Amino acid sequence: MTFTEQLYLPAILKGMGITCAHFFKKKVTVQYPEQKREFSPVFVARHILMRDEVGAERCTACGLCALAVRLKLITMNSL
C-alpha cells in the first residue's frame, strides 16, 4: 500500500470503533404511550390563555401563541 492508502486505514478503524461503541450503548428511545418522559419541575410547555372573574379572556397580546403554533395559523397584527 502506498503512504496515502495507509493514512485511511487508521481513520476507518477509528470510525468502526465509534460505531461499535454506539451499538452497545443503552437505547434512549422512549415507548411513548406506555412510558412517559420525566420533566423538570420548572418545565413549562403549554401556553394557557387565562380568564378573569367574569370569564373573559385576558389576552395581553404577547404573541406567544403565534410562536407556539408552527404552521402560522395564528397571526398577531398590531393596529
Protein backbone atom coordinates (compact mmCIF):
# COMPACT_ATOMS: atom_id res chain seq x y z
CA MET A 1 0.00 0.00 0.00
CA THR A 2 1.16 3.50 -0.69
CA PHE A 3 1.55 6.06 2.06
CA THR A 4 -1.75 7.83 1.23
CA GLU A 5 -3.60 4.49 1.31
CA GLN A 6 -2.11 3.74 4.73
CA LEU A 7 -3.43 7.04 6.14
CA TYR A 8 -7.03 5.97 5.52
CA LEU A 9 -6.73 2.72 7.46
CA PRO A 10 -6.49 4.30 10.96
CA ALA A 11 -9.42 6.59 10.18
CA ILE A 12 -11.54 3.64 9.07
CA LEU A 13 -10.63 1.67 12.21
CA LYS A 14 -11.44 4.67 14.41
CA GLY A 15 -14.84 5.05 12.71
CA MET A 16 -15.59 1.35 13.16
CA GLY A 17 -14.66 1.64 16.84
CA ILE A 18 -17.08 4.54 17.34
CA THR A 19 -19.80 2.60 15.52
CA CYS A 20 -19.27 -0.47 17.70
CA ALA A 21 -19.31 1.66 20.86
CA HIS A 22 -22.67 3.20 19.89
CA PHE A 23 -24.06 -0.21 19.06
CA PHE A 24 -23.68 -1.39 22.66
CA LYS A 25 -24.87 1.81 24.40
CA LYS A 26 -28.19 1.96 26.21
CA LYS A 27 -31.09 2.95 23.96
CA VAL A 28 -32.61 6.39 24.61
CA THR A 29 -35.87 5.75 22.78
CA VAL A 30 -38.99 6.10 24.91
CA GLN A 31 -42.04 3.99 24.04
CA TYR A 32 -44.37 6.99 24.21
CA PRO A 33 -47.87 5.87 25.11
CA GLU A 34 -46.66 3.34 27.68
CA GLN A 35 -43.71 5.28 29.08
CA LYS A 36 -43.92 8.98 29.86
CA ARG A 37 -40.80 11.14 29.93
CA GLU A 38 -39.94 12.75 33.24
CA PHE A 39 -39.74 16.52 33.04
CA SER A 40 -38.13 19.08 35.29
CA PRO A 41 -40.44 20.65 37.90
CA VAL A 42 -39.94 24.06 36.27
CA PHE A 43 -40.73 22.82 32.73
CA VAL A 44 -43.42 24.93 31.02
CA ALA A 45 -44.52 23.76 27.60
CA ARG A 46 -48.09 24.88 27.14
CA HIS A 47 -49.30 28.46 26.90
CA ILE A 48 -52.70 28.82 28.53
CA LEU A 49 -54.98 31.79 27.95
CA MET A 50 -56.19 32.81 31.39
CA ARG A 51 -59.69 34.12 32.11
CA ASP A 52 -60.78 36.84 34.53
CA GLU A 53 -63.58 36.74 37.13
CA VAL A 54 -66.32 37.28 34.53
CA GLY A 55 -64.92 34.59 32.24
CA ALA A 56 -63.49 36.88 29.57
CA GLU A 57 -60.11 36.02 28.11
CA ARG A 58 -57.19 38.01 29.48
CA CYS A 59 -55.08 38.39 26.35
CA THR A 60 -52.08 40.70 26.73
CA ALA A 61 -51.08 40.34 23.05
CA CYS A 62 -47.66 38.97 23.93
CA GLY A 63 -47.56 36.88 20.74
CA LEU A 64 -46.53 33.62 22.39
CA CYS A 65 -49.49 31.79 20.88
CA ALA A 66 -48.34 32.79 17.40
CA LEU A 67 -44.86 31.48 18.19
CA ALA A 68 -46.17 28.21 19.62
CA VAL A 69 -48.18 27.30 16.50
CA ARG A 70 -45.63 26.35 13.88
CA LEU A 71 -47.97 26.36 10.86
CA LYS A 72 -48.62 30.11 11.14
CA LEU A 73 -52.34 29.55 11.77
CA ILE A 74 -52.32 32.32 14.39
CA THR A 75 -51.04 35.76 13.49
CA MET A 76 -50.69 38.82 15.69
CA ASN A 77 -51.30 42.11 13.87
CA SER A 78 -50.56 45.41 15.56
CA LEU A 79 -53.09 48.16 14.96
